[in-house]
Each structure stands twice: as structure tokens, then as C-alpha cells.
Amino acid sequence: MDFLNAALGALLFVVLAPVGGGLVAGVDRIVTARMQGRVGPPLFQPFYDVFKLMHKETMVVRRSQNFYMVFYLILMIFTGVLFFSGGDILLVIFALTLGDVFFILGGYKASSPFSFLGTQRELILSMAYEPIILLLAVGLYRATGSFNVADINAYPDLLIVFLPGLFIGFLCVMEIKFRKSPFDLSTSHHGHQELVKGMTTEFSGRTLAAIEVGHWYESVFVLGLLYLFFAAKPIMAVVAVGLTLFFLILADNAFARFKWQLALKSTWMMAIVLGVSNILVLYYFF
């Protein structure tokens, strides 16, 4: 039965995550537009964009840049499959990190001033959020006694009660992963980004579509991690996911972009002060 549940979770992620990720992107655009006093695009505009990209010619600076981005997409799918099948969360994090490595290598291979500078910033952002993600895995283990996502999801108590510091730190990770201000340094969904599209400037056609779909898979995975904090009460978890998304969009429209130095310092301080303190409290009092 456990195998069937794991297989079903993996299958549903592979099939439904692009739909869910695209819808989240569509809602994001509409809410952002309304906050800025605009009507905004239709809900399904992200799907229209991807379908249009798939029919465009793929122009490359170096052929190897597409190779790395294809593996980025594959590893984002693999990361989500591991997570939603209830696998080991440490293995999930390693797969996520490997996917980021391929994404960064693809950006460097493009050999464009915009993509090169954007890729350097992406590397810095990876350094910024990795400590929080690793501390989150440790905190989940201290709270539940297991690294398995299935066991963590089945824990009877609300994990947000035990991990408030790590939850706040994880909000920074979500800002980075959703390409939101103040952490949208490497690439952005908005036209005012000073690097145009940053590290993805030199990608086009099917490869750019694959990058966007990979981002949708990654977004659903990140929302799954957020869900774990409230998994003991599913209705509350769904509401919390919705409110958090609204908070991310609000922050995106309310805050200016950080410089890379401030982005790195602020996330590391968040990890040290909130993350480590949270784990120490769990270790000594629970």
C-alpha cells in the first residue's frame, strides 16, 4: 500500500505540477497587476507563452547551454517525484541542489554579459538559501524523528509550532525561488529588471519553454515544503499556502531589490539567528 501511495504521489506530481505551477504564475500576474492598478493578463497567459515558445526557433550561442537546461528540467521533476512520493528529504535537497548546479552551468555557457552577470547572482542566491534549507531538514528531523517526507507529513501536530524561526527563514527561500523582490537578482518576471532577463537572456524557443516549465515544477515543490508546516490540518495548510503566496506578491511590489551583498548577509543572518536558535530550542526543550 505504501508503494502504491508513493507511486500515485509521484505520478500526480509529474502530471499535475505543470498545471498547478502555470496557474500559480497566472494568478501571480493578475494579483500583481491589480496591486499596480492594471487589469493584467488572462489567467492562462503563462500557458499561452510556453506554447508560443515551443513553436519558435531555438537560437543558441553554444549548443551545450541547452543540454544543461534540459537536465535542470529533469532534476526539478526528479526532486518533486522524490518529495511527493514520501522519500528522504535529504535526498530531495541534494537533487534540488544538483538541479540548481545545472541551471547555473547553463547560464555560464551562454557567454553573454547579461547572462554571465545574472548567473553570478544566481550562484550567490544558491549560497544564500542552502543553509536555511539544510537547517530546515535538521529541524524537521528534530521535531518528528524522521527524515522521510511521508512520516513528516503524517506527524499529528502542527510543525509551525515547533519551527517558527525556520518558517520565517523559509519565507526568504520562497522569495528567492519565486523570483520575487527583494531577492530577484539573477532573473525576473518583470520588465523593469535591469538585467533584462538576466541569466536566461540568451535562451529562446523550446529551451526557454523548458526553463519555464522547470520553474513551475520547482514552484509546486516549494509549496509542498511549505505545506509540511501545517500538514496536520489540511484545510489550514491550504489557507496558509494561499496567504503566503499573497504575502510574497505583496512583498514583491512593496520592496526594492537588494544588492547581492545585502541579500547574502540577510539570509545568512536569518539562518544563524532564527534557524540555529530554533534547532537549539528543539534540542534542549523537546
C-alpha atoms as a PDB file:
ATOM      1  CA  MET A   1       0.000   0.000   0.000  1.00  0.00           C
ATOM      2  CA  ASP A   2       2.852   2.394   0.804  1.00  0.00           C
ATOM      3  CA  PHE A   3       4.379   1.683  -2.601  1.00  0.00           C
ATOM      4  CA  LEU A   4       1.074   2.415  -4.325  1.00  0.00           C
ATOM      5  CA  ASN A   5       0.691   5.694  -2.418  1.00  0.00           C
ATOM      6  CA  ALA A   6       4.254   6.693  -3.305  1.00  0.00           C
ATOM      7  CA  ALA A   7       3.737   5.824  -6.979  1.00  0.00           C
ATOM      8  CA  LEU A   8       0.444   7.722  -7.052  1.00  0.00           C
ATOM      9  CA  GLY A   9       2.017  10.800  -5.446  1.00  0.00           C
ATOM     10  CA  ALA A  10       4.888  10.742  -7.953  1.00  0.00           C
ATOM     11  CA  LEU A  11       2.525  10.292 -10.918  1.00  0.00           C
ATOM     12  CA  LEU A  12       0.220  13.092  -9.799  1.00  0.00           C
ATOM     13  CA  PHE A  13       3.189  15.421  -9.390  1.00  0.00           C
ATOM     14  CA  VAL A  14       4.556  14.694 -12.868  1.00  0.00           C
ATOM     15  CA  VAL A  15       1.154  15.209 -14.495  1.00  0.00           C
ATOM     16  CA  LEU A  16      -0.422  17.972 -12.395  1.00  0.00           C
ATOM     17  CA  ALA A  17       2.557  20.087 -11.247  1.00  0.00           C
ATOM     18  CA  PRO A  18       2.917  21.931 -14.600  1.00  0.00           C
ATOM     19  CA  VAL A  19      -0.802  22.734 -14.489  1.00  0.00           C
ATOM     20  CA  GLY A  20      -0.633  23.918 -10.880  1.00  0.00           C
ATOM     21  CA  GLY A  21       2.594  25.843 -11.432  1.00  0.00           C
ATOM     22  CA  GLY A  22       1.189  27.567 -14.517  1.00  0.00           C
ATOM     23  CA  LEU A  23      -1.998  28.521 -12.675  1.00  0.00           C
ATOM     24  CA  VAL A  24       0.022  29.917  -9.761  1.00  0.00           C
ATOM     25  CA  ALA A  25       2.020  32.000 -12.265  1.00  0.00           C
ATOM     26  CA  GLY A  26      -1.219  33.209 -13.849  1.00  0.00           C
ATOM     27  CA  VAL A  27      -2.739  34.212 -10.511  1.00  0.00           C
ATOM     28  CA  ASP A  28       0.564  35.887  -9.611  1.00  0.00           C
ATOM     29  CA  ARG A  29       0.393  38.075 -12.723  1.00  0.00           C
ATOM     30  CA  ILE A  30      -3.231  39.033 -12.145  1.00  0.00           C
ATOM     31  CA  VAL A  31      -2.772  39.914  -8.453  1.00  0.00           C
ATOM     32  CA  THR A  32       0.411  41.858  -9.255  1.00  0.00           C
ATOM     33  CA  ALA A  33      -1.424  43.794 -11.953  1.00  0.00           C
ATOM     34  CA  ARG A  34      -4.316  44.640  -9.625  1.00  0.00           C
ATOM     35  CA  MET A  35      -1.880  45.869  -6.972  1.00  0.00           C
ATOM     36  CA  GLN A  36      -0.395  48.168  -9.615  1.00  0.00           C
ATOM     37  CA  GLY A  37      -3.786  49.415 -10.819  1.00  0.00           C
ATOM     38  CA  ARG A  38      -3.785  47.383 -14.051  1.00  0.00           C
ATOM     39  CA  VAL A  39      -6.198  44.769 -15.415  1.00  0.00           C
ATOM     40  CA  GLY A  40      -3.471  42.249 -16.063  1.00  0.00           C
ATOM     41  CA  PRO A  41      -3.244  39.287 -18.451  1.00  0.00           C
ATOM     42  CA  PRO A  42      -5.677  36.347 -18.582  1.00  0.00           C
ATOM     43  CA  LEU A  43      -5.259  33.521 -16.070  1.00  0.00           C
ATOM     44  CA  PHE A  44      -3.915  31.125 -18.717  1.00  0.00           C
ATOM     45  CA  GLN A  45      -1.367  33.565 -20.174  1.00  0.00           C
ATOM     46  CA  PRO A  46       1.647  31.561 -18.839  1.00  0.00           C
ATOM     47  CA  PHE A  47       0.425  28.517 -20.796  1.00  0.00           C
ATOM     48  CA  TYR A  48      -0.034  30.628 -23.939  1.00  0.00           C
ATOM     49  CA  ASP A  49       3.524  31.924 -23.548  1.00  0.00           C
ATOM     50  CA  VAL A  50       5.002  28.433 -23.181  1.00  0.00           C
ATOM     51  CA  PHE A  51       3.061  27.056 -26.164  1.00  0.00           C
ATOM     52  CA  LYS A  52       4.231  30.013 -28.250  1.00  0.00           C
ATOM     53  CA  LEU A  53       7.850  29.450 -27.214  1.00  0.00           C
ATOM     54  CA  MET A  54       7.624  25.777 -28.205  1.00  0.00           C
ATOM     55  CA  HIS A  55       6.794  26.813 -31.781  1.00  0.00           C
ATOM     56  CA  LYS A  56       9.595  29.362 -32.069  1.00  0.00           C
ATOM     57  CA  GLU A  57      13.055  28.739 -33.427  1.00  0.00           C
ATOM     58  CA  THR A  58      15.648  27.892 -30.790  1.00  0.00           C
ATOM     59  CA  MET A  59      18.675  30.165 -31.167  1.00  0.00           C
ATOM     60  CA  VAL A  60      21.822  29.261 -29.224  1.00  0.00           C
ATOM     61  CA  VAL A  61      25.200  30.793 -28.505  1.00  0.00           C
ATOM     62  CA  ARG A  62      26.606  27.368 -27.590  1.00  0.00           C
ATOM     63  CA  ARG A  63      24.756  24.096 -28.043  1.00  0.00           C
ATOM     64  CA  SER A  64      25.831  22.824 -24.628  1.00  0.00           C
ATOM     65  CA  GLN A  65      23.763  25.538 -22.917  1.00  0.00           C
ATOM     66  CA  ASN A  66      20.564  23.708 -23.921  1.00  0.00           C
ATOM     67  CA  PHE A  67      21.961  20.412 -22.620  1.00  0.00           C
ATOM     68  CA  TYR A  68      22.336  21.836 -19.118  1.00  0.00           C
ATOM     69  CA  MET A  69      18.849  23.337 -19.090  1.00  0.00           C
ATOM     70  CA  VAL A  70      17.250  20.056 -20.151  1.00  0.00           C
ATOM     71  CA  PHE A  71      18.926  18.371 -17.196  1.00  0.00           C
ATOM     72  CA  TYR A  72      17.706  21.215 -14.981  1.00  0.00           C
ATOM     73  CA  LEU A  73      14.137  20.358 -16.005  1.00  0.00           C
ATOM     74  CA  ILE A  74      14.711  16.633 -15.474  1.00  0.00           C
ATOM     75  CA  LEU A  75      16.161  17.193 -11.995  1.00  0.00           C
ATOM     76  CA  MET A  76      13.313  19.508 -10.971  1.00  0.00           C
ATOM     77  CA  ILE A  77      10.893  16.724 -11.930  1.00  0.00           C
ATOM     78  CA  PHE A  78      13.044  14.175 -10.070  1.00  0.00           C
ATOM     79  CA  THR A  79      13.146  16.402  -6.966  1.00  0.00           C
ATOM     80  CA  GLY A  80       9.360  16.684  -6.881  1.00  0.00           C
ATOM     81  CA  VAL A  81       8.892  12.966  -7.511  1.00  0.00           C
ATOM     82  CA  LEU A  82      11.126  12.134  -4.540  1.00  0.00           C
ATOM     83  CA  PHE A  83       9.280  14.610  -2.349  1.00  0.00           C
ATOM     84  CA  PHE A  84       5.697  13.739  -3.245  1.00  0.00           C
ATOM     85  CA  SER A  85       6.408  10.005  -3.123  1.00  0.00           C
ATOM     86  CA  GLY A  86       7.428  10.451   0.536  1.00  0.00           C
ATOM     87  CA  GLY A  87      11.172   9.938   0.090  1.00  0.00           C
ATOM     88  CA  ASP A  88      14.123  11.055   2.187  1.00  0.00           C
ATOM     89  CA  ILE A  89      14.147  14.835   2.491  1.00  0.00           C
ATOM     90  CA  LEU A  90      17.954  14.949   2.479  1.00  0.00           C
ATOM     91  CA  LEU A  91      17.991  13.212  -0.906  1.00  0.00           C
ATOM     92  CA  VAL A  92      15.326  15.667  -2.056  1.00  0.00           C
ATOM     93  CA  ILE A  93      17.553  18.614  -1.083  1.00  0.00           C
ATOM     94  CA  PHE A  94      20.583  17.099  -2.837  1.00  0.00           C
ATOM     95  CA  ALA A  95      18.538  16.620  -6.027  1.00  0.00           C
ATOM     96  CA  LEU A  96      17.312  20.223  -5.801  1.00  0.00           C
ATOM     97  CA  THR A  97      20.882  21.468  -5.380  1.00  0.00           C
ATOM     98  CA  LEU A  98      22.084  19.404  -8.358  1.00  0.00           C
ATOM     99  CA  GLY A  99      19.306  20.906 -10.470  1.00  0.00           C
ATOM    100  CA  ASP A 100      20.481  24.389  -9.469  1.00  0.00           C
ATOM    101  CA  VAL A 101      24.031  23.454 -10.458  1.00  0.00           C
ATOM    102  CA  PHE A 102      22.895  22.512 -13.982  1.00  0.00           C
ATOM    103  CA  PHE A 103      20.843  25.719 -14.178  1.00  0.00           C
ATOM    104  CA  ILE A 104      23.912  27.780 -13.240  1.00  0.00           C
ATOM    105  CA  LEU A 105      26.192  25.912 -15.662  1.00  0.00           C
ATOM    106  CA  GLY A 106      23.714  26.570 -18.475  1.00  0.00           C
ATOM    107  CA  GLY A 107      23.749  30.274 -17.687  1.00  0.00           C
ATOM    108  CA  TYR A 108      27.548  30.411 -17.738  1.00  0.00           C
ATOM    109  CA  LYS A 109      27.662  28.555 -21.066  1.00  0.00           C
ATOM    110  CA  ALA A 110      25.569  31.258 -22.767  1.00  0.00           C
ATOM    111  CA  SER A 111      28.611  33.592 -22.644  1.00  0.00           C
ATOM    112  CA  SER A 112      26.594  36.812 -22.661  1.00  0.00           C
ATOM    113  CA  PRO A 113      27.329  39.806 -20.382  1.00  0.00           C
ATOM    114  CA  PHE A 114      23.718  39.766 -19.160  1.00  0.00           C
ATOM    115  CA  SER A 115      23.580  36.008 -18.620  1.00  0.00           C
ATOM    116  CA  PHE A 116      27.076  35.889 -17.085  1.00  0.00           C
ATOM    117  CA  LEU A 117      26.266  38.577 -14.504  1.00  0.00           C
ATOM    118  CA  GLY A 118      22.845  37.061 -13.844  1.00  0.00           C
ATOM    119  CA  THR A 119      24.412  33.622 -13.359  1.00  0.00           C
ATOM    120  CA  GLN A 120      26.905  35.004 -10.853  1.00  0.00           C
ATOM    121  CA  ARG A 121      23.976  36.410  -8.904  1.00  0.00           C
ATOM    122  CA  GLU A 122      22.144  33.073  -9.146  1.00  0.00           C
ATOM    123  CA  LEU A 123      25.190  31.364  -7.643  1.00  0.00           C
ATOM    124  CA  ILE A 124      25.141  33.862  -4.764  1.00  0.00           C
ATOM    125  CA  LEU A 125      21.423  33.247  -4.209  1.00  0.00           C
ATOM    126  CA  SER A 126      22.099  29.496  -4.069  1.00  0.00           C
ATOM    127  CA  MET A 127      24.701  30.147  -1.392  1.00  0.00           C
ATOM    128  CA  ALA A 128      22.137  32.304   0.418  1.00  0.00           C
ATOM    129  CA  TYR A 129      19.278  29.812   0.691  1.00  0.00           C
ATOM    130  CA  GLU A 130      21.139  26.494   1.034  1.00  0.00           C
ATOM    131  CA  PRO A 131      21.912  26.925   4.775  1.00  0.00           C
ATOM    132  CA  ILE A 132      18.236  27.558   5.540  1.00  0.00           C
ATOM    133  CA  ILE A 133      17.113  24.509   3.545  1.00  0.00           C
ATOM    134  CA  LEU A 134      19.632  22.265   5.317  1.00  0.00           C
ATOM    135  CA  LEU A 135      18.665  23.645   8.720  1.00  0.00           C
ATOM    136  CA  LEU A 136      15.017  23.042   7.830  1.00  0.00           C
ATOM    137  CA  ALA A 137      15.768  19.358   7.209  1.00  0.00           C
ATOM    138  CA  VAL A 138      17.509  19.127  10.591  1.00  0.00           C
ATOM    139  CA  GLY A 139      14.625  20.924  12.293  1.00  0.00           C
ATOM    140  CA  LEU A 140      12.031  18.627  10.733  1.00  0.00           C
ATOM    141  CA  TYR A 141      14.038  15.634  11.956  1.00  0.00           C
ATOM    142  CA  ARG A 142      14.324  17.022  15.499  1.00  0.00           C
ATOM    143  CA  ALA A 143      10.585  17.691  15.601  1.00  0.00           C
ATOM    144  CA  THR A 144       9.323  14.438  14.026  1.00  0.00           C
ATOM    145  CA  GLY A 145      12.178  11.950  14.490  1.00  0.00           C
ATOM    146  CA  SER A 146      12.328  11.130  10.774  1.00  0.00           C
ATOM    147  CA  PHE A 147      13.828  12.403   7.524  1.00  0.00           C
ATOM    148  CA  ASN A 148      11.120  10.695   5.438  1.00  0.00           C
ATOM    149  CA  VAL A 149       8.642  13.125   3.923  1.00  0.00           C
ATOM    150  CA  ALA A 150       5.802  10.610   4.398  1.00  0.00           C
ATOM    151  CA  ASP A 151       6.480  10.435   8.149  1.00  0.00           C
ATOM    152  CA  ILE A 152       6.811  14.210   8.422  1.00  0.00           C
ATOM    153  CA  ASN A 153       3.536  14.699   6.553  1.00  0.00           C
ATOM    154  CA  ALA A 154       1.789  12.236   8.884  1.00  0.00           C
ATOM    155  CA  TYR A 155       3.042  13.920  12.078  1.00  0.00           C
ATOM    156  CA  PRO A 156      -0.024  14.619  14.253  1.00  0.00           C
ATOM    157  CA  ASP A 157       0.961  18.098  15.500  1.00  0.00           C
ATOM    158  CA  LEU A 158       1.397  21.368  13.637  1.00  0.00           C
ATOM    159  CA  LEU A 159       5.090  21.734  12.846  1.00  0.00           C
ATOM    160  CA  ILE A 160       4.821  25.521  12.652  1.00  0.00           C
ATOM    161  CA  VAL A 161       4.505  25.447  16.464  1.00  0.00           C
ATOM    162  CA  PHE A 162       7.933  23.782  16.762  1.00  0.00           C
ATOM    163  CA  LEU A 163       9.640  25.535  13.844  1.00  0.00           C
ATOM    164  CA  PRO A 164       8.577  29.222  13.819  1.00  0.00           C
ATOM    165  CA  GLY A 165      12.116  30.504  13.250  1.00  0.00           C
ATOM    166  CA  LEU A 166      12.763  28.127  10.379  1.00  0.00           C
ATOM    167  CA  PHE A 167       9.386  29.041   8.902  1.00  0.00           C
ATOM    168  CA  ILE A 168      10.368  32.716   8.761  1.00  0.00           C
ATOM    169  CA  GLY A 169      13.679  31.748   7.178  1.00  0.00           C
ATOM    170  CA  PHE A 170      11.862  29.559   4.667  1.00  0.00           C
ATOM    171  CA  LEU A 171       9.839  32.592   3.553  1.00  0.00           C
ATOM    172  CA  CYS A 172      13.125  34.065   2.305  1.00  0.00           C
ATOM    173  CA  VAL A 173      13.790  30.845   0.395  1.00  0.00           C
ATOM    174  CA  MET A 174      10.361  31.155  -1.214  1.00  0.00           C
ATOM    175  CA  GLU A 175      11.095  34.749  -2.251  1.00  0.00           C
ATOM    176  CA  ILE A 176      14.285  33.534  -3.926  1.00  0.00           C
ATOM    177  CA  LYS A 177      12.690  30.544  -5.628  1.00  0.00           C
ATOM    178  CA  PHE A 178       9.687  32.512  -6.892  1.00  0.00           C
ATOM    179  CA  ARG A 179      11.991  35.260  -8.248  1.00  0.00           C
ATOM    180  CA  LYS A 180      10.431  37.939  -6.068  1.00  0.00           C
ATOM    181  CA  SER A 181      11.800  41.208  -4.710  1.00  0.00           C
ATOM    182  CA  PRO A 182      13.882  41.806  -2.742  1.00  0.00           C
ATOM    183  CA  PHE A 183      15.676  38.668  -3.984  1.00  0.00           C
ATOM    184  CA  ASP A 184      15.027  38.732  -7.754  1.00  0.00           C
ATOM    185  CA  LEU A 185      18.663  39.473  -8.527  1.00  0.00           C
ATOM    186  CA  SER A 186      19.507  36.906 -11.207  1.00  0.00           C
ATOM    187  CA  THR A 187      16.360  36.924 -13.339  1.00  0.00           C
ATOM    188  CA  SER A 188      12.900  38.381 -13.003  1.00  0.00           C
ATOM    189  CA  HIS A 189       9.386  38.080 -14.385  1.00  0.00           C
ATOM    190  CA  HIS A 190       9.143  41.880 -14.560  1.00  0.00           C
ATOM    191  CA  GLY A 191      10.282  44.126 -17.400  1.00  0.00           C
ATOM    192  CA  HIS A 192      11.935  46.663 -15.074  1.00  0.00           C
ATOM    193  CA  GLN A 193      14.717  44.232 -14.136  1.00  0.00           C
ATOM    194  CA  GLU A 194      17.990  45.959 -15.003  1.00  0.00           C
ATOM    195  CA  LEU A 195      19.479  42.751 -16.486  1.00  0.00           C
ATOM    196  CA  VAL A 196      16.567  42.275 -18.913  1.00  0.00           C
ATOM    197  CA  LYS A 197      16.007  38.522 -18.282  1.00  0.00           C
ATOM    198  CA  GLY A 198      19.335  38.068 -16.525  1.00  0.00           C
ATOM    199  CA  MET A 199      20.811  34.622 -16.834  1.00  0.00           C
ATOM    200  CA  THR A 200      18.089  33.448 -19.238  1.00  0.00           C
ATOM    201  CA  THR A 201      18.591  36.333 -21.699  1.00  0.00           C
ATOM    202  CA  GLU A 202      20.319  34.145 -24.311  1.00  0.00           C
ATOM    203  CA  PHE A 203      17.754  31.317 -24.202  1.00  0.00           C
ATOM    204  CA  SER A 204      14.862  31.074 -26.627  1.00  0.00           C
ATOM    205  CA  GLY A 205      12.337  28.707 -28.173  1.00  0.00           C
ATOM    206  CA  ARG A 206      11.858  25.258 -26.697  1.00  0.00           C
ATOM    207  CA  THR A 207      14.739  25.669 -24.262  1.00  0.00           C
ATOM    208  CA  LEU A 208      13.196  28.776 -22.709  1.00  0.00           C
ATOM    209  CA  ALA A 209       9.879  26.913 -22.539  1.00  0.00           C
ATOM    210  CA  ALA A 210      11.639  24.047 -20.728  1.00  0.00           C
ATOM    211  CA  ILE A 211      13.134  26.526 -18.253  1.00  0.00           C
ATOM    212  CA  GLU A 212       9.688  27.975 -17.547  1.00  0.00           C
ATOM    213  CA  VAL A 213       8.126  24.540 -17.060  1.00  0.00           C
ATOM    214  CA  GLY A 214      11.038  23.582 -14.793  1.00  0.00           C
ATOM    215  CA  HIS A 215      10.279  26.686 -12.738  1.00  0.00           C
ATOM    216  CA  TRP A 216       6.633  25.547 -12.453  1.00  0.00           C
ATOM    217  CA  TYR A 217       7.736  22.132 -11.155  1.00  0.00           C
ATOM    218  CA  GLU A 218      10.091  23.825  -8.709  1.00  0.00           C
ATOM    219  CA  SER A 219       7.339  26.197  -7.514  1.00  0.00           C
ATOM    220  CA  VAL A 220       4.968  23.325  -6.734  1.00  0.00           C
ATOM    221  CA  PHE A 221       7.742  21.517  -4.860  1.00  0.00           C
ATOM    222  CA  VAL A 222       8.468  24.636  -2.764  1.00  0.00           C
ATOM    223  CA  LEU A 223       4.755  24.966  -1.977  1.00  0.00           C
ATOM    224  CA  GLY A 224       4.830  21.316  -0.906  1.00  0.00           C
ATOM    225  CA  LEU A 225       7.599  22.116   1.574  1.00  0.00           C
ATOM    226  CA  LEU A 226       5.502  24.989   2.896  1.00  0.00           C
ATOM    227  CA  TYR A 227       2.538  22.629   3.274  1.00  0.00           C
ATOM    228  CA  LEU A 228       4.545  20.425   5.669  1.00  0.00           C
ATOM    229  CA  PHE A 229       4.498  23.160   8.325  1.00  0.00           C
ATOM    230  CA  PHE A 230       0.682  22.840   8.512  1.00  0.00           C
ATOM    231  CA  ALA A 231       0.191  19.256   7.272  1.00  0.00           C
ATOM    232  CA  ALA A 232      -1.573  18.124  10.479  1.00  0.00           C
ATOM    233  CA  LYS A 233      -4.557  20.294   9.495  1.00  0.00           C
ATOM    234  CA  PRO A 234      -5.005  20.115   5.701  1.00  0.00           C
ATOM    235  CA  ILE A 235      -7.590  22.900   5.424  1.00  0.00           C
ATOM    236  CA  MET A 236      -5.390  25.235   7.450  1.00  0.00           C
ATOM    237  CA  ALA A 237      -2.446  24.191   5.260  1.00  0.00           C
ATOM    238  CA  VAL A 238      -4.246  25.148   2.043  1.00  0.00           C
ATOM    239  CA  VAL A 239      -5.255  28.522   3.527  1.00  0.00           C
ATOM    240  CA  ALA A 240      -1.680  29.093   4.746  1.00  0.00           C
ATOM    241  CA  VAL A 241      -0.278  28.344   1.276  1.00  0.00           C
ATOM    242  CA  GLY A 242      -2.687  30.847  -0.290  1.00  0.00           C
ATOM    243  CA  LEU A 243      -1.933  33.565   2.271  1.00  0.00           C
ATOM    244  CA  THR A 244       1.815  33.008   1.897  1.00  0.00           C
ATOM    245  CA  LEU A 245       1.594  33.385  -1.874  1.00  0.00           C
ATOM    246  CA  PHE A 246      -0.298  36.653  -1.388  1.00  0.00           C
ATOM    247  CA  PHE A 247       2.400  37.822   1.047  1.00  0.00           C
ATOM    248  CA  LEU A 248       5.145  37.011  -1.488  1.00  0.00           C
ATOM    249  CA  ILE A 249       3.368  39.010  -4.200  1.00  0.00           C
ATOM    250  CA  LEU A 250       2.790  41.904  -1.792  1.00  0.00           C
ATOM    251  CA  ALA A 251       6.469  41.927  -0.803  1.00  0.00           C
ATOM    252  CA  ASP A 252       7.439  41.802  -4.479  1.00  0.00           C
ATOM    253  CA  ASN A 253       5.503  45.010  -5.102  1.00  0.00           C
ATOM    254  CA  ALA A 254       6.418  46.747  -1.848  1.00  0.00           C
ATOM    255  CA  PHE A 255      10.187  46.239  -1.568  1.00  0.00           C
ATOM    256  CA  ALA A 256      13.077  47.331  -3.762  1.00  0.00           C
ATOM    257  CA  ARG A 257      15.624  44.786  -4.936  1.00  0.00           C
ATOM    258  CA  PHE A 258      18.518  44.088  -2.574  1.00  0.00           C
ATOM    259  CA  LYS A 259      22.131  44.325  -3.633  1.00  0.00           C
ATOM    260  CA  TRP A 260      23.783  40.918  -3.637  1.00  0.00           C
ATOM    261  CA  GLN A 261      25.813  41.752  -0.517  1.00  0.00           C
ATOM    262  CA  LEU A 262      22.690  42.557   1.495  1.00  0.00           C
ATOM    263  CA  ALA A 263      20.826  39.531   0.115  1.00  0.00           C
ATOM    264  CA  LEU A 264      23.612  37.190   1.212  1.00  0.00           C
ATOM    265  CA  LYS A 265      24.110  38.775   4.632  1.00  0.00           C
ATOM    266  CA  SER A 266      20.404  38.959   5.452  1.00  0.00           C
ATOM    267  CA  THR A 267      19.666  35.319   4.576  1.00  0.00           C
ATOM    268  CA  TRP A 268      22.739  34.017   6.402  1.00  0.00           C
ATOM    269  CA  MET A 269      21.850  36.070   9.475  1.00  0.00           C
ATOM    270  CA  MET A 270      18.328  34.676   9.246  1.00  0.00           C
ATOM    271  CA  ALA A 271      19.747  31.158   9.137  1.00  0.00           C
ATOM    272  CA  ILE A 272      22.152  31.737  12.037  1.00  0.00           C
ATOM    273  CA  VAL A 273      19.853  33.684  14.352  1.00  0.00           C
ATOM    274  CA  LEU A 274      16.444  32.126  13.682  1.00  0.00           C
ATOM    275  CA  GLY A 275      17.359  28.730  12.254  1.00  0.00           C
ATOM    276  CA  VAL A 276      20.087  27.696  14.672  1.00  0.00           C
ATOM    277  CA  SER A 277      18.190  29.146  17.648  1.00  0.00           C
ATOM    278  CA  ASN A 278      15.080  27.218  16.660  1.00  0.00           C
ATOM    279  CA  ILE A 279      17.030  23.951  16.478  1.00  0.00           C
ATOM    280  CA  LEU A 280      18.728  24.607  19.824  1.00  0.00           C
ATOM    281  CA  VAL A 281      15.347  25.189  21.472  1.00  0.00           C
ATOM    282  CA  LEU A 282      14.095  21.894  19.991  1.00  0.00           C
ATOM    283  CA  TYR A 283      17.214  20.085  21.192  1.00  0.00           C
ATOM    284  CA  TYR A 284      17.089  21.302  24.790  1.00  0.00           C
ATOM    285  CA  PHE A 285      13.351  21.639  25.474  1.00  0.00           C
ATOM    286  CA  PHE A 286      11.599  18.993  23.344  1.00  0.00           C
END
